[in-house]
Every structure is written in C-alpha cells, then in structure tokens.
Amino acid sequence: MISGTHKDCTKCRYCEKICPENSPIADIMELFNELARTKDVDTVREKFDREYRKITGCVNCGRCLPYCPVKINIPSYILAAKEDFE
C-alpha cells in the first residue's frame, strides 16, 4: 500500500483530460488523503468500490505524467488504489 497524502495534487484535472480511460484521478488521489486523515481503511475501501472501481481503467500508460504540474507519479497511485482498496 502506498502511504502518504497528496497535498501536492492541485486537482487541476489536466491528467484526467488526457487519460484514455477517463479515470477520475483527482478524486482517487483524494481517497489517499482521506485515508491519511481518518485511518479508516474500511470506509475508504467502500467508497472506492462504490464510486470509482468500475470507472478506473488505468493501464499504466503514463500519458498523464507530463501533464501533472506537481510531478506526481499518477499511475503508481492509481494502480495502488486498485490493488489496495479493492
């Protein structure tokens, strides 16, 4: 599991505009913040399953990387969310 918060994520959604899978990247990044704040894995896992799992098709293509103004390694976090929150 990747730990830490994503205070650096500005929610500009530039990454989402280029994502071929239309993943809700900024919203998923916020789940990591919620987990860091609350330490409530079950609630975060439930929220991911209910709201994001079915629409997160990240295939680690990396197209989003050059568009992130704060240089977050987005695919690693999205794939971690899929593994850790499912």
PDB file of N, CA and C in Angstrom:
ATOM      1  N   MET A   1       0.848  -1.184   0.000  1.00  0.00           N
ATOM      2  CA  MET A   1       0.000   0.000   0.000  1.00  0.00           C
ATOM      3  C   MET A   1       0.886   1.237   0.000  1.00  0.00           C
ATOM      4  N   ILE A   2       0.538   2.183  -0.799  1.00  0.00           N
ATOM      5  CA  ILE A   2       1.256   3.454  -0.821  1.00  0.00           C
ATOM      6  C   ILE A   2       0.669   4.314   0.284  1.00  0.00           C
ATOM      7  N   SER A   3       1.535   4.848   1.102  1.00  0.00           N
ATOM      8  CA  SER A   3       1.046   5.706   2.170  1.00  0.00           C
ATOM      9  C   SER A   3       1.367   7.156   1.842  1.00  0.00           C
ATOM     10  N   GLY A   4       0.829   8.025   2.624  1.00  0.00           N
ATOM     11  CA  GLY A   4       1.093   9.443   2.416  1.00  0.00           C
ATOM     12  C   GLY A   4      -0.105  10.146   1.829  1.00  0.00           C
ATOM     13  N   THR A   5      -0.041  11.441   1.887  1.00  0.00           N
ATOM     14  CA  THR A   5      -1.150  12.231   1.375  1.00  0.00           C
ATOM     15  C   THR A   5      -0.757  12.847   0.046  1.00  0.00           C
ATOM     16  N   HIS A   6      -1.719  13.433  -0.577  1.00  0.00           N
ATOM     17  CA  HIS A   6      -1.499  14.074  -1.864  1.00  0.00           C
ATOM     18  C   HIS A   6      -1.831  15.538  -1.774  1.00  0.00           C
ATOM     19  N   LYS A   7      -1.246  16.186  -0.780  1.00  0.00           N
ATOM     20  CA  LYS A   7      -1.471  17.616  -0.632  1.00  0.00           C
ATOM     21  C   LYS A   7      -0.988  18.358  -1.863  1.00  0.00           C
ATOM     22  N   ASP A   8      -0.030  17.767  -2.556  1.00  0.00           N
ATOM     23  CA  ASP A   8       0.505  18.409  -3.750  1.00  0.00           C
ATOM     24  C   ASP A   8      -0.469  18.372  -4.923  1.00  0.00           C
ATOM     25  N   CYS A   9      -1.390  17.429  -4.923  1.00  0.00           N
ATOM     26  CA  CYS A   9      -2.354  17.345  -6.017  1.00  0.00           C
ATOM     27  C   CYS A   9      -3.241  18.588  -5.976  1.00  0.00           C
ATOM     28  N   THR A  10      -3.194  19.359  -7.038  1.00  0.00           N
ATOM     29  CA  THR A  10      -3.947  20.612  -7.101  1.00  0.00           C
ATOM     30  C   THR A  10      -5.367  20.416  -7.632  1.00  0.00           C
ATOM     31  N   LYS A  11      -5.683  19.208  -8.011  1.00  0.00           N
ATOM     32  CA  LYS A  11      -6.992  18.891  -8.594  1.00  0.00           C
ATOM     33  C   LYS A  11      -7.267  19.716  -9.844  1.00  0.00           C
ATOM     34  N   CYS A  12      -6.208  19.990 -10.578  1.00  0.00           N
ATOM     35  CA  CYS A  12      -6.354  20.737 -11.828  1.00  0.00           C
ATOM     36  C   CYS A  12      -7.059  19.905 -12.894  1.00  0.00           C
ATOM     37  N   ARG A  13      -6.955  18.589 -12.746  1.00  0.00           N
ATOM     38  CA  ARG A  13      -7.580  17.613 -13.640  1.00  0.00           C
ATOM     39  C   ARG A  13      -6.996  17.608 -15.056  1.00  0.00           C
ATOM     40  N   TYR A  14      -5.808  18.189 -15.222  1.00  0.00           N
ATOM     41  CA  TYR A  14      -5.130  18.109 -16.522  1.00  0.00           C
ATOM     42  C   TYR A  14      -4.891  16.648 -16.888  1.00  0.00           C
ATOM     43  N   CYS A  15      -4.542  15.844 -15.904  1.00  0.00           N
ATOM     44  CA  CYS A  15      -4.280  14.424 -16.126  1.00  0.00           C
ATOM     45  C   CYS A  15      -5.529  13.702 -16.624  1.00  0.00           C
ATOM     46  N   GLU A  16      -6.668  14.104 -16.106  1.00  0.00           N
ATOM     47  CA  GLU A  16      -7.914  13.460 -16.496  1.00  0.00           C
ATOM     48  C   GLU A  16      -8.284  13.781 -17.936  1.00  0.00           C
ATOM     49  N   LYS A  17      -7.928  14.966 -18.384  1.00  0.00           N
ATOM     50  CA  LYS A  17      -8.255  15.364 -19.755  1.00  0.00           C
ATOM     51  C   LYS A  17      -7.512  14.533 -20.786  1.00  0.00           C
ATOM     52  N   ILE A  18      -6.339  14.032 -20.412  1.00  0.00           N
ATOM     53  CA  ILE A  18      -5.530  13.252 -21.353  1.00  0.00           C
ATOM     54  C   ILE A  18      -5.705  11.742 -21.166  1.00  0.00           C
ATOM     55  N   CYS A  19      -6.297  11.334 -20.072  1.00  0.00           N
ATOM     56  CA  CYS A  19      -6.424   9.907 -19.750  1.00  0.00           C
ATOM     57  C   CYS A  19      -7.319   9.195 -20.764  1.00  0.00           C
ATOM     58  N   PRO A  20      -6.776   8.176 -21.449  1.00  0.00           N
ATOM     59  CA  PRO A  20      -7.599   7.463 -22.428  1.00  0.00           C
ATOM     60  C   PRO A  20      -8.696   6.620 -21.782  1.00  0.00           C
ATOM     61  N   GLU A  21      -8.584   6.380 -20.485  1.00  0.00           N
ATOM     62  CA  GLU A  21      -9.590   5.590 -19.771  1.00  0.00           C
ATOM     63  C   GLU A  21     -10.560   6.457 -18.974  1.00  0.00           C
ATOM     64  N   ASN A  22     -10.384   7.772 -19.037  1.00  0.00           N
ATOM     65  CA  ASN A  22     -11.250   8.708 -18.306  1.00  0.00           C
ATOM     66  C   ASN A  22     -11.312   8.418 -16.811  1.00  0.00           C
ATOM     67  N   SER A  23     -10.189   8.034 -16.247  1.00  0.00           N
ATOM     68  CA  SER A  23     -10.139   7.754 -14.812  1.00  0.00           C
ATOM     69  C   SER A  23     -10.316   9.039 -14.009  1.00  0.00           C
ATOM     70  N   PRO A  24     -11.060   8.968 -12.904  1.00  0.00           N
ATOM     71  CA  PRO A  24     -11.268  10.134 -12.038  1.00  0.00           C
ATOM     72  C   PRO A  24     -10.056  10.307 -11.105  1.00  0.00           C
ATOM     73  N   ILE A  25      -8.944  10.691 -11.668  1.00  0.00           N
ATOM     74  CA  ILE A  25      -7.659  10.684 -10.974  1.00  0.00           C
ATOM     75  C   ILE A  25      -7.659  11.571  -9.736  1.00  0.00           C
ATOM     76  N   ALA A  26      -8.114  12.796  -9.845  1.00  0.00           N
ATOM     77  CA  ALA A  26      -8.083  13.715  -8.693  1.00  0.00           C
ATOM     78  C   ALA A  26      -8.936  13.188  -7.544  1.00  0.00           C
ATOM     79  N   ASP A  27     -10.044  12.588  -7.852  1.00  0.00           N
ATOM     80  CA  ASP A  27     -10.910  12.036  -6.808  1.00  0.00           C
ATOM     81  C   ASP A  27     -10.255  10.840  -6.125  1.00  0.00           C
ATOM     82  N   ILE A  28      -9.567  10.037  -6.891  1.00  0.00           N
ATOM     83  CA  ILE A  28      -8.874   8.890  -6.313  1.00  0.00           C
ATOM     84  C   ILE A  28      -7.706   9.349  -5.455  1.00  0.00           C
ATOM     85  N   MET A  29      -6.997  10.389  -5.898  1.00  0.00           N
ATOM     86  CA  MET A  29      -5.920  10.943  -5.076  1.00  0.00           C
ATOM     87  C   MET A  29      -6.472  11.422  -3.739  1.00  0.00           C
ATOM     88  N   GLU A  30      -7.655  11.983  -3.756  1.00  0.00           N
ATOM     89  CA  GLU A  30      -8.267  12.460  -2.519  1.00  0.00           C
ATOM     90  C   GLU A  30      -8.562  11.308  -1.558  1.00  0.00           C
ATOM     91  N   LEU A  31      -8.809  10.114  -2.083  1.00  0.00           N
ATOM     92  CA  LEU A  31      -9.026   8.962  -1.202  1.00  0.00           C
ATOM     93  C   LEU A  31      -7.790   8.683  -0.348  1.00  0.00           C
ATOM     94  N   PHE A  32      -6.601   8.872  -0.921  1.00  0.00           N
ATOM     95  CA  PHE A  32      -5.389   8.685  -0.137  1.00  0.00           C
ATOM     96  C   PHE A  32      -5.306   9.727   0.976  1.00  0.00           C
ATOM     97  N   ASN A  33      -5.730  10.950   0.692  1.00  0.00           N
ATOM     98  CA  ASN A  33      -5.772  11.988   1.727  1.00  0.00           C
ATOM     99  C   ASN A  33      -6.760  11.602   2.827  1.00  0.00           C
ATOM    100  N   GLU A  34      -7.913  11.118   2.417  1.00  0.00           N
ATOM    101  CA  GLU A  34      -8.926  10.704   3.393  1.00  0.00           C
ATOM    102  C   GLU A  34      -8.390   9.583   4.275  1.00  0.00           C
ATOM    103  N   LEU A  35      -7.718   8.631   3.676  1.00  0.00           N
ATOM    104  CA  LEU A  35      -7.141   7.526   4.440  1.00  0.00           C
ATOM    105  C   LEU A  35      -6.097   8.032   5.438  1.00  0.00           C
ATOM    106  N   ALA A  36      -5.264   8.962   5.019  1.00  0.00           N
ATOM    107  CA  ALA A  36      -4.250   9.520   5.910  1.00  0.00           C
ATOM    108  C   ALA A  36      -4.894  10.284   7.069  1.00  0.00           C
ATOM    109  N   ARG A  37      -5.987  10.984   6.778  1.00  0.00           N
ATOM    110  CA  ARG A  37      -6.668  11.767   7.819  1.00  0.00           C
ATOM    111  C   ARG A  37      -7.401  10.885   8.813  1.00  0.00           C
ATOM    112  N   THR A  38      -8.131   9.900   8.293  1.00  0.00           N
ATOM    113  CA  THR A  38      -9.049   9.137   9.138  1.00  0.00           C
ATOM    114  C   THR A  38      -8.508   7.785   9.589  1.00  0.00           C
ATOM    115  N   LYS A  39      -7.550   7.248   8.842  1.00  0.00           N
ATOM    116  CA  LYS A  39      -7.013   5.898   9.104  1.00  0.00           C
ATOM    117  C   LYS A  39      -8.104   4.829   8.999  1.00  0.00           C
ATOM    118  N   ASP A  40      -9.196   5.151   8.354  1.00  0.00           N
ATOM    119  CA  ASP A  40     -10.345   4.252   8.242  1.00  0.00           C
ATOM    120  C   ASP A  40     -10.312   3.539   6.884  1.00  0.00           C
ATOM    121  N   VAL A  41      -9.562   2.472   6.835  1.00  0.00           N
ATOM    122  CA  VAL A  41      -9.384   1.734   5.585  1.00  0.00           C
ATOM    123  C   VAL A  41     -10.712   1.200   5.058  1.00  0.00           C
ATOM    124  N   ASP A  42     -11.550   0.710   5.951  1.00  0.00           N
ATOM    125  CA  ASP A  42     -12.822   0.127   5.505  1.00  0.00           C
ATOM    126  C   ASP A  42     -13.709   1.148   4.803  1.00  0.00           C
ATOM    127  N   THR A  43     -13.800   2.349   5.351  1.00  0.00           N
ATOM    128  CA  THR A  43     -14.625   3.387   4.737  1.00  0.00           C
ATOM    129  C   THR A  43     -14.060   3.811   3.384  1.00  0.00           C
ATOM    130  N   VAL A  44     -12.752   3.976   3.318  1.00  0.00           N
ATOM    131  CA  VAL A  44     -12.121   4.367   2.050  1.00  0.00           C
ATOM    132  C   VAL A  44     -12.289   3.259   1.024  1.00  0.00           C
ATOM    133  N   ARG A  45     -12.104   2.029   1.431  1.00  0.00           N
ATOM    134  CA  ARG A  45     -12.271   0.894   0.523  1.00  0.00           C
ATOM    135  C   ARG A  45     -13.708   0.836   0.007  1.00  0.00           C
ATOM    136  N   GLU A  46     -14.668   1.046   0.885  1.00  0.00           N
ATOM    137  CA  GLU A  46     -16.075   1.033   0.482  1.00  0.00           C
ATOM    138  C   GLU A  46     -16.370   2.163  -0.510  1.00  0.00           C
ATOM    139  N   LYS A  47     -15.840   3.336  -0.223  1.00  0.00           N
ATOM    140  CA  LYS A  47     -16.053   4.484  -1.115  1.00  0.00           C
ATOM    141  C   LYS A  47     -15.434   4.221  -2.486  1.00  0.00           C
ATOM    142  N   PHE A  48     -14.227   3.680  -2.515  1.00  0.00           N
ATOM    143  CA  PHE A  48     -13.582   3.353  -3.782  1.00  0.00           C
ATOM    144  C   PHE A  48     -14.429   2.356  -4.558  1.00  0.00           C
ATOM    145  N   ASP A  49     -14.863   1.307  -3.879  1.00  0.00           N
ATOM    146  CA  ASP A  49     -15.652   0.266  -4.539  1.00  0.00           C
ATOM    147  C   ASP A  49     -16.957   0.828  -5.077  1.00  0.00           C
ATOM    148  N   ARG A  50     -17.601   1.659  -4.299  1.00  0.00           N
ATOM    149  CA  ARG A  50     -18.908   2.211  -4.681  1.00  0.00           C
ATOM    150  C   ARG A  50     -18.802   3.244  -5.798  1.00  0.00           C
ATOM    151  N   GLU A  51     -17.767   4.100  -5.739  1.00  0.00           N
ATOM    152  CA  GLU A  51     -17.731   5.243  -6.640  1.00  0.00           C
ATOM    153  C   GLU A  51     -16.722   5.162  -7.779  1.00  0.00           C
ATOM    154  N   TYR A  52     -15.629   4.430  -7.585  1.00  0.00           N
ATOM    155  CA  TYR A  52     -14.542   4.555  -8.546  1.00  0.00           C
ATOM    156  C   TYR A  52     -14.066   3.264  -9.206  1.00  0.00           C
ATOM    157  N   ARG A  53     -14.201   2.143  -8.565  1.00  0.00           N
ATOM    158  CA  ARG A  53     -13.612   0.909  -9.093  1.00  0.00           C
ATOM    159  C   ARG A  53     -14.044   0.628 -10.527  1.00  0.00           C
ATOM    160  N   LYS A  54     -15.303   0.771 -10.804  1.00  0.00           N
ATOM    161  CA  LYS A  54     -15.815   0.421 -12.133  1.00  0.00           C
ATOM    162  C   LYS A  54     -15.379   1.397 -13.220  1.00  0.00           C
ATOM    163  N   ILE A  55     -14.944   2.585 -12.825  1.00  0.00           N
ATOM    164  CA  ILE A  55     -14.562   3.570 -13.839  1.00  0.00           C
ATOM    165  C   ILE A  55     -13.073   3.886 -13.819  1.00  0.00           C
ATOM    166  N   THR A  56     -12.296   3.045 -13.163  1.00  0.00           N
ATOM    167  CA  THR A  56     -10.856   3.247 -13.112  1.00  0.00           C
ATOM    168  C   THR A  56     -10.190   2.191 -13.958  1.00  0.00           C
ATOM    169  N   GLY A  57      -9.912   2.543 -15.194  1.00  0.00           N
ATOM    170  CA  GLY A  57      -9.324   1.595 -16.120  1.00  0.00           C
ATOM    171  C   GLY A  57      -7.855   1.848 -16.379  1.00  0.00           C
ATOM    172  N   CYS A  58      -7.156   2.466 -15.436  1.00  0.00           N
ATOM    173  CA  CYS A  58      -5.750   2.808 -15.641  1.00  0.00           C
ATOM    174  C   CYS A  58      -4.954   1.581 -16.059  1.00  0.00           C
ATOM    175  N   VAL A  59      -4.217   1.742 -17.144  1.00  0.00           N
ATOM    176  CA  VAL A  59      -3.387   0.655 -17.654  1.00  0.00           C
ATOM    177  C   VAL A  59      -1.907   1.023 -17.604  1.00  0.00           C
ATOM    178  N   ASN A  60      -1.590   2.042 -16.811  1.00  0.00           N
ATOM    179  CA  ASN A  60      -0.204   2.464 -16.603  1.00  0.00           C
ATOM    180  C   ASN A  60       0.462   2.946 -17.890  1.00  0.00           C
ATOM    181  N   CYS A  61      -0.286   3.636 -18.723  1.00  0.00           N
ATOM    182  CA  CYS A  61       0.268   4.110 -19.998  1.00  0.00           C
ATOM    183  C   CYS A  61       1.202   5.302 -19.804  1.00  0.00           C
ATOM    184  N   GLY A  62       0.994   6.061 -18.733  1.00  0.00           N
ATOM    185  CA  GLY A  62       1.861   7.190 -18.425  1.00  0.00           C
ATOM    186  C   GLY A  62       1.573   8.467 -19.184  1.00  0.00           C
ATOM    187  N   ARG A  63       0.524   8.501 -19.964  1.00  0.00           N
ATOM    188  CA  ARG A  63       0.202   9.718 -20.728  1.00  0.00           C
ATOM    189  C   ARG A  63      -0.053  10.915 -19.817  1.00  0.00           C
ATOM    190  N   CYS A  64      -0.507  10.655 -18.625  1.00  0.00           N
ATOM    191  CA  CYS A  64      -0.839  11.733 -17.685  1.00  0.00           C
ATOM    192  C   CYS A  64       0.400  12.393 -17.084  1.00  0.00           C
ATOM    193  N   LEU A  65       1.501  11.684 -17.022  1.00  0.00           N
ATOM    194  CA  LEU A  65       2.689  12.165 -16.302  1.00  0.00           C
ATOM    195  C   LEU A  65       3.174  13.547 -16.734  1.00  0.00           C
ATOM    196  N   PRO A  66       3.312  13.820 -18.017  1.00  0.00           N
ATOM    197  CA  PRO A  66       3.801  15.153 -18.397  1.00  0.00           C
ATOM    198  C   PRO A  66       2.816  16.282 -18.101  1.00  0.00           C
ATOM    199  N   TYR A  67       1.571  15.946 -17.831  1.00  0.00           N
ATOM    200  CA  TYR A  67       0.547  16.964 -17.602  1.00  0.00           C
ATOM    201  C   TYR A  67       0.386  17.342 -16.136  1.00  0.00           C
ATOM    202  N   CYS A  68       1.005  16.599 -15.240  1.00  0.00           N
ATOM    203  CA  CYS A  68       0.882  16.894 -13.817  1.00  0.00           C
ATOM    204  C   CYS A  68       1.844  18.023 -13.455  1.00  0.00           C
ATOM    205  N   PRO A  69       1.307  19.191 -13.054  1.00  0.00           N
ATOM    206  CA  PRO A  69       2.178  20.319 -12.753  1.00  0.00           C
ATOM    207  C   PRO A  69       3.039  20.110 -11.507  1.00  0.00           C
ATOM    208  N   VAL A  70       2.673  19.148 -10.650  1.00  0.00           N
ATOM    209  CA  VAL A  70       3.458  18.901  -9.442  1.00  0.00           C
ATOM    210  C   VAL A  70       4.190  17.560  -9.492  1.00  0.00           C
ATOM    211  N   LYS A  71       4.211  16.957 -10.669  1.00  0.00           N
ATOM    212  CA  LYS A  71       5.014  15.761 -10.961  1.00  0.00           C
ATOM    213  C   LYS A  71       4.707  14.551 -10.071  1.00  0.00           C
ATOM    214  N   ILE A  72       3.444  14.309  -9.793  1.00  0.00           N
ATOM    215  CA  ILE A  72       3.039  13.110  -9.048  1.00  0.00           C
ATOM    216  C   ILE A  72       3.109  11.920  -9.998  1.00  0.00           C
ATOM    217  N   ASN A  73       3.592  10.801  -9.504  1.00  0.00           N
ATOM    218  CA  ASN A  73       3.632   9.575 -10.303  1.00  0.00           C
ATOM    219  C   ASN A  73       2.231   8.950 -10.268  1.00  0.00           C
ATOM    220  N   ILE A  74       1.358   9.510 -11.052  1.00  0.00           N
ATOM    221  CA  ILE A  74      -0.066   9.171 -11.028  1.00  0.00           C
ATOM    222  C   ILE A  74      -0.333   7.681 -11.247  1.00  0.00           C
ATOM    223  N   PRO A  75       0.229   7.039 -12.268  1.00  0.00           N
ATOM    224  CA  PRO A  75      -0.091   5.627 -12.466  1.00  0.00           C
ATOM    225  C   PRO A  75       0.211   4.756 -11.253  1.00  0.00           C
ATOM    226  N   SER A  76       1.290   5.044 -10.546  1.00  0.00           N
ATOM    227  CA  SER A  76       1.610   4.207  -9.388  1.00  0.00           C
ATOM    228  C   SER A  76       0.538   4.327  -8.308  1.00  0.00           C
ATOM    229  N   TYR A  77      -0.021   5.514  -8.128  1.00  0.00           N
ATOM    230  CA  TYR A  77      -1.066   5.690  -7.124  1.00  0.00           C
ATOM    231  C   TYR A  77      -2.395   5.102  -7.573  1.00  0.00           C
ATOM    232  N   ILE A  78      -2.732   5.246  -8.832  1.00  0.00           N
ATOM    233  CA  ILE A  78      -3.993   4.690  -9.317  1.00  0.00           C
ATOM    234  C   ILE A  78      -3.955   3.166  -9.253  1.00  0.00           C
ATOM    235  N   LEU A  79      -2.845   2.585  -9.667  1.00  0.00           N
ATOM    236  CA  LEU A  79      -2.720   1.132  -9.599  1.00  0.00           C
ATOM    237  C   LEU A  79      -2.708   0.652  -8.149  1.00  0.00           C
ATOM    238  N   ALA A  80      -2.084   1.403  -7.252  1.00  0.00           N
ATOM    239  CA  ALA A  80      -2.096   1.048  -5.833  1.00  0.00           C
ATOM    240  C   ALA A  80      -3.514   1.104  -5.276  1.00  0.00           C
ATOM    241  N   ALA A  81      -4.272   2.104  -5.684  1.00  0.00           N
ATOM    242  CA  ALA A  81      -5.656   2.211  -5.231  1.00  0.00           C
ATOM    243  C   ALA A  81      -6.453   0.994  -5.684  1.00  0.00           C
ATOM    244  N   LYS A  82      -6.245   0.608  -6.930  1.00  0.00           N
ATOM    245  CA  LYS A  82      -6.964  -0.562  -7.445  1.00  0.00           C
ATOM    246  C   LYS A  82      -6.588  -1.817  -6.665  1.00  0.00           C
ATOM    247  N   GLU A  83      -5.326  -1.955  -6.318  1.00  0.00           N
ATOM    248  CA  GLU A  83      -4.871  -3.141  -5.575  1.00  0.00           C
ATOM    249  C   GLU A  83      -5.264  -3.070  -4.102  1.00  0.00           C
ATOM    250  N   ASP A  84      -5.069  -1.911  -3.484  1.00  0.00           N
ATOM    251  CA  ASP A  84      -5.230  -1.797  -2.043  1.00  0.00           C
ATOM    252  C   ASP A  84      -6.660  -1.569  -1.588  1.00  0.00           C
ATOM    253  N   PHE A  85      -7.454  -0.916  -2.394  1.00  0.00           N
ATOM    254  CA  PHE A  85      -8.807  -0.570  -1.968  1.00  0.00           C
ATOM    255  C   PHE A  85      -9.851  -1.559  -2.446  1.00  0.00           C
ATOM    256  N   GLU A  86      -9.507  -2.457  -3.352  1.00  0.00           N
ATOM    257  CA  GLU A  86     -10.498  -3.426  -3.829  1.00  0.00           C
ATOM    258  C   GLU A  86     -10.643  -4.567  -2.844  1.00  0.00           C
TER     259      GLU A  86
END
